[in-house]
Amino acid sequence: MPRRGSARPLTALLAAVGIVAGVLVGRPGLETVTGCGSSGDLYPSQTARDWVSYADHVVVAGPTGERETNRRTYPKGTVAYATDRLVTFRTDRTLWSRPSPRHALGTTFDLVAPGWEVYRSSGTRVAEMATDSPRFQVGHTYLLALRRDQGGWVVLGEGAAVPFDDHTGDQGEWCGRVLSKEDVAAGERFSRHDDHSLEKALLGQDEQAAERALDRAARG
């Protein structure tokens, strides 16, 4: 499984201001924030080169709805059951596609996203999170590097899902919180200086900046 090369500014920011409580584990940078999911990148996802090497399409897209999927029931313990969410997205704009995509992408598509844990005694639903990544919520917009995997669309990994509200990189929903580009910029003070991720480069930038970075990477 790919290893992360740096701490994302968003992780550093939330840790610094105490939005997410927990222990930061470095491997080699800040690997995860307890309470904000567990790591599990499917493909390399940090750089523009990763995106054009492993993705089929890079799109600006927003969720339009969701439904529960993959329910797991537990006979014992405090959690009665857990589910994922199947989130439906509209494709607002395709910024890049490989010359011969392995699969075409329609005007809408579905992604499996973190769902809910439901407590046995109270019925309370607690949102699950993906580490260092958006939860994907209706009303927000995202920049996504997508690939077909095991019959469904997936993002390459945590570096390939960028908050993109108002067509602005690193602005919007992340880990269930809504952050501005100024919030994320503040987090840069706590992140590793050798972070060369595409997401960091797109802080405060628009689609054109993403397209230029992807075109440069595709030309080699």
Protein backbone atom coordinates (compact mmCIF):
# COMPACT_ATOMS: atom_id res chain seq x y z
CA MET A 1 0.00 0.00 0.00
CA PRO A 2 1.38 3.46 -0.83
CA ARG A 3 2.86 5.39 2.05
CA ARG A 4 2.15 9.04 2.55
CA GLY A 5 5.09 11.31 2.10
CA SER A 6 3.94 14.24 4.22
CA ALA A 7 1.42 15.67 6.59
CA ARG A 8 -1.42 17.42 4.82
CA PRO A 9 -2.00 21.03 5.87
CA LEU A 10 -5.60 20.15 6.71
CA THR A 11 -4.54 17.44 9.15
CA ALA A 12 -1.99 19.74 10.73
CA LEU A 13 -4.50 22.56 11.04
CA LEU A 14 -7.18 20.46 12.71
CA ALA A 15 -4.64 18.95 15.06
CA ALA A 16 -3.22 22.36 15.94
CA VAL A 17 -6.54 24.00 16.74
CA GLY A 18 -7.98 20.94 18.45
CA ILE A 19 -10.92 20.38 16.10
CA VAL A 20 -10.08 16.66 16.03
CA ALA A 21 -8.85 15.13 19.27
CA GLY A 22 -6.38 12.29 19.25
CA VAL A 23 -2.82 11.16 18.75
CA LEU A 24 -0.83 12.06 15.65
CA VAL A 25 1.27 9.19 14.37
CA GLY A 26 4.14 9.93 11.97
CA ARG A 27 4.93 7.49 9.14
CA PRO A 28 6.97 9.39 8.03
CA GLY A 29 4.72 12.42 8.51
CA LEU A 30 1.36 12.73 10.24
CA GLU A 31 -0.27 9.49 9.23
CA THR A 32 -3.70 9.74 10.79
CA VAL A 33 -5.76 11.69 13.27
CA THR A 34 -7.61 9.44 15.69
CA GLY A 35 -11.31 10.02 15.23
CA CYS A 36 -10.95 10.91 11.56
CA GLY A 37 -10.81 7.47 9.99
CA SER A 38 -8.08 4.99 9.13
CA SER A 39 -5.69 5.02 6.21
CA GLY A 40 -6.23 2.90 3.11
CA ASP A 41 -5.16 4.47 -0.17
CA LEU A 42 -5.86 2.22 -3.15
CA TYR A 43 -3.37 3.90 -5.49
CA PRO A 44 -0.66 6.60 -5.30
CA SER A 45 -2.54 9.89 -5.13
CA GLN A 46 -0.30 12.73 -4.00
CA THR A 47 1.17 14.30 -7.11
CA ALA A 48 -0.14 15.36 -10.51
CA ARG A 49 2.00 12.56 -11.95
CA ASP A 50 0.17 10.07 -9.71
CA TRP A 51 -3.18 11.38 -10.97
CA VAL A 52 -2.39 11.06 -14.66
CA SER A 53 -0.67 7.70 -14.13
CA TYR A 54 -3.46 5.96 -12.25
CA ALA A 55 -6.74 7.83 -12.84
CA ASP A 56 -9.17 7.48 -15.72
CA HIS A 57 -10.69 10.93 -15.23
CA VAL A 58 -10.22 14.05 -13.12
CA VAL A 59 -13.47 15.91 -12.50
CA VAL A 60 -15.12 18.70 -10.56
CA ALA A 61 -18.23 17.12 -9.06
CA GLY A 62 -20.80 17.54 -6.29
CA PRO A 63 -22.95 15.05 -4.36
CA THR A 64 -26.68 15.15 -5.12
CA GLY A 65 -27.89 12.39 -2.81
CA GLU A 66 -26.95 9.30 -0.85
CA ARG A 67 -28.29 6.01 0.44
CA GLU A 68 -27.03 3.42 2.89
CA THR A 69 -25.13 0.40 1.62
CA ASN A 70 -22.97 -2.44 2.96
CA ARG A 71 -24.76 -2.76 6.30
CA ARG A 72 -22.86 -4.73 8.95
CA THR A 73 -24.84 -5.97 11.97
CA TYR A 74 -23.07 -6.77 15.26
CA PRO A 75 -24.73 -9.18 17.73
CA LYS A 76 -22.74 -7.82 20.70
CA GLY A 77 -21.15 -4.58 21.79
CA THR A 78 -22.20 -0.96 21.96
CA VAL A 79 -22.60 -0.62 18.18
CA ALA A 80 -25.67 -2.36 16.77
CA TYR A 81 -24.76 -1.91 13.13
CA ALA A 82 -22.67 0.15 10.74
CA THR A 83 -23.21 1.15 7.13
CA ASP A 84 -21.37 2.80 4.29
CA ARG A 85 -23.01 5.43 2.07
CA LEU A 86 -23.43 5.19 -1.70
CA VAL A 87 -23.11 8.84 -2.72
CA THR A 88 -24.39 9.99 -6.13
CA PHE A 89 -22.41 12.80 -7.77
CA ARG A 90 -23.16 15.08 -10.70
CA THR A 91 -20.21 15.63 -13.04
CA ASP A 92 -19.86 19.41 -13.29
CA ARG A 93 -16.72 19.44 -15.43
CA THR A 94 -14.13 16.96 -16.65
CA LEU A 95 -10.67 18.52 -16.38
CA TRP A 96 -8.64 15.59 -17.71
CA SER A 97 -9.13 12.10 -19.11
CA ARG A 98 -6.51 9.61 -20.20
CA PRO A 99 -6.25 9.36 -24.01
CA SER A 100 -7.96 5.96 -24.01
CA PRO A 101 -9.96 5.76 -20.77
CA ARG A 102 -10.49 2.27 -19.43
CA HIS A 103 -14.08 3.29 -18.67
CA ALA A 104 -16.25 6.23 -19.73
CA LEU A 105 -17.70 8.51 -17.05
CA GLY A 106 -21.29 9.71 -17.32
CA THR A 107 -23.01 12.87 -16.18
CA THR A 108 -23.58 11.16 -12.83
CA PHE A 109 -21.64 8.51 -10.93
CA ASP A 110 -21.62 6.81 -7.54
CA LEU A 111 -18.89 6.50 -4.92
CA VAL A 112 -18.93 4.42 -1.74
CA ALA A 113 -18.11 6.75 1.17
CA PRO A 114 -17.83 6.47 4.96
CA GLY A 115 -21.22 5.99 6.54
CA TRP A 116 -22.60 5.60 10.04
CA GLU A 117 -22.26 3.66 13.26
CA VAL A 118 -25.52 3.21 15.15
CA TYR A 119 -25.38 2.65 18.90
CA ARG A 120 -27.43 -0.19 20.33
CA SER A 121 -28.81 1.46 23.45
CA SER A 122 -29.76 4.89 22.11
CA GLY A 123 -30.03 4.46 18.36
CA THR A 124 -27.66 7.44 17.97
CA ARG A 125 -26.01 7.64 14.55
CA VAL A 126 -22.35 8.66 14.55
CA ALA A 127 -20.69 9.72 11.31
CA GLU A 128 -17.67 7.72 10.24
CA MET A 129 -14.80 9.52 8.50
CA ALA A 130 -12.09 8.71 5.99
CA THR A 131 -8.64 9.76 7.12
CA ASP A 132 -7.29 13.05 5.73
CA SER A 133 -10.19 13.23 3.28
CA PRO A 134 -13.64 14.70 2.69
CA ARG A 135 -16.68 12.76 3.88
CA PHE A 136 -18.55 13.84 0.68
CA GLN A 137 -21.64 15.79 1.66
CA VAL A 138 -24.49 17.27 -0.38
CA GLY A 139 -24.07 21.01 -0.89
CA HIS A 140 -20.30 20.86 -1.43
CA THR A 141 -18.04 20.49 -4.45
CA TYR A 142 -14.90 18.39 -4.87
CA LEU A 143 -12.00 17.88 -7.26
CA LEU A 144 -11.61 14.12 -7.72
CA ALA A 145 -9.19 11.81 -9.50
CA LEU A 146 -11.28 8.74 -10.35
CA ARG A 147 -10.53 5.20 -11.41
CA ARG A 148 -12.71 2.16 -11.96
CA ASP A 149 -11.93 -0.53 -9.38
CA GLN A 150 -13.79 -3.81 -8.81
CA GLY A 151 -16.83 -2.65 -10.76
CA GLY A 152 -17.22 0.79 -9.20
CA TRP A 153 -15.71 4.27 -9.24
CA VAL A 154 -13.16 5.12 -6.54
CA VAL A 155 -10.86 8.03 -5.83
CA LEU A 156 -7.19 7.05 -6.04
CA GLY A 157 -6.57 7.88 -2.39
CA GLU A 158 -6.71 10.64 0.19
CA GLY A 159 -4.62 12.99 -1.97
CA ALA A 160 -7.06 12.71 -4.88
CA ALA A 161 -10.14 14.17 -3.16
CA VAL A 162 -9.76 17.94 -2.80
CA PRO A 163 -12.42 20.24 -1.29
CA PHE A 164 -13.43 22.61 -4.10
CA ASP A 165 -16.30 24.85 -3.01
CA ASP A 166 -16.63 28.01 -5.11
CA HIS A 167 -14.19 26.41 -7.58
CA THR A 168 -11.38 27.04 -5.11
CA GLY A 169 -8.82 24.43 -4.08
CA ASP A 170 -8.83 23.37 -0.41
CA GLN A 171 -12.03 25.24 0.39
CA GLY A 172 -15.09 23.37 1.59
CA GLU A 173 -15.95 20.17 3.42
CA TRP A 174 -13.12 18.07 4.80
CA CYS A 175 -13.47 15.33 7.41
CA GLY A 176 -17.00 16.54 8.09
CA ARG A 177 -15.91 20.13 8.77
CA VAL A 178 -16.23 23.16 6.50
CA LEU A 179 -12.91 25.00 6.07
CA SER A 180 -11.99 28.12 4.12
CA LYS A 181 -8.80 28.44 2.10
CA GLU A 182 -7.57 30.78 4.84
CA ASP A 183 -8.06 28.00 7.41
CA VAL A 184 -6.03 25.64 5.28
CA ALA A 185 -3.35 28.24 4.61
CA ALA A 186 -2.94 28.59 8.38
CA GLY A 187 -2.35 24.86 8.54
CA GLU A 188 0.60 25.20 6.18
CA ARG A 189 2.61 26.50 9.13
CA PHE A 190 2.38 23.06 10.73
CA SER A 191 2.81 20.86 7.65
CA ARG A 192 6.02 19.38 6.28
CA HIS A 193 7.96 21.70 4.01
CA ASP A 194 8.74 18.86 1.59
CA ASP A 195 5.05 18.34 0.81
CA HIS A 196 4.89 18.50 -2.99
CA SER A 197 1.34 17.21 -3.33
CA LEU A 198 -0.98 18.52 -6.02
CA GLU A 199 -3.51 19.41 -3.35
CA LYS A 200 -1.05 21.73 -1.61
CA ALA A 201 -0.19 23.35 -4.96
CA LEU A 202 -3.88 23.99 -5.63
CA LEU A 203 -4.53 25.88 -2.39
CA GLY A 204 -6.69 28.85 -3.39
CA GLN A 205 -6.43 27.97 -7.10
CA ASP A 206 -9.14 27.20 -9.68
CA GLU A 207 -9.77 24.58 -12.39
CA GLN A 208 -7.32 26.18 -14.80
CA ALA A 209 -4.46 25.68 -12.36
CA ALA A 210 -5.41 22.00 -11.99
CA GLU A 211 -5.63 21.56 -15.75
CA ARG A 212 -2.19 23.11 -16.27
CA ALA A 213 -0.63 20.86 -13.63
CA LEU A 214 -2.23 17.74 -15.11
CA ASP A 215 -1.23 18.66 -18.66
CA ARG A 216 2.39 19.18 -17.58
CA ALA A 217 2.42 15.84 -15.81
CA ALA A 218 0.85 14.04 -18.77
CA ARG A 219 3.52 15.44 -21.10
CA GLY A 220 6.14 13.98 -18.82
